[in-house]
Amino acid sequence: MEWFNVGTIVNTHGVRGEVRVKSVSDFEEERFQPGQEIYVENNEAETGYEPLVIKSSRPHKQFILLTFEGYNSIDDVDWMKNAALSVPETALAPLKEEEFYFHEIIDADVYTEEGSHLGYVKEILTPGANDVWVVEPAEGRQDILLPYIEEVVQHVDVAKKRITVRIMKGMLPE
């Protein structure tokens, strides 16, 4: 079974079993809802992951604070520090056409309409109105920030991990 990282527990928060999570989930609000099952990395578990049921979830600065059913104190969750949170492939919801999971876009090669290789997508930012794909240039220049909008992203081939973009004035670093 394939597993997908949706965040990392960066620390505990308070003394009542709450943890601070840095999310990398595509669908953060749905993924971290109370009642959702999520898996924490645990080398002692048979599969390498231990299932957890989210009891509560709330935003806190640039993090999400979570509690889990059956984990009620800092001592219960202290071992989870720096552990990855994941979901199995079966937990991924089907997407509409022209929608993609982050893991399908990360590491994809990016080309201009003219065929020039710009680099690869190393990160996806979610600042608000639209996602921004951070491209690490092939020639070691400054990162390129590509807004995920129709005018810029022309084609995404998930199977080939190839993205074709239209570069607008001012998008490329000088």
Foldseek 3Di string as FASTA:
>chain_A
DDKDFFWAFAAADDWFAKTWIQGQWPCVVVCQQAQHKKWWQDCVDPVRTDIWGWHDWDDDDNTIITHTPPGTTCVSCGVRHGITIIDDPVPDDDDDPPDDTPVLQAQFWEAEPVGHTQAGFHGWDPPDPFIWTWGCGPVRDHIFTHTPDCQFWPDADSVRSYTYTHDDPPRDDD
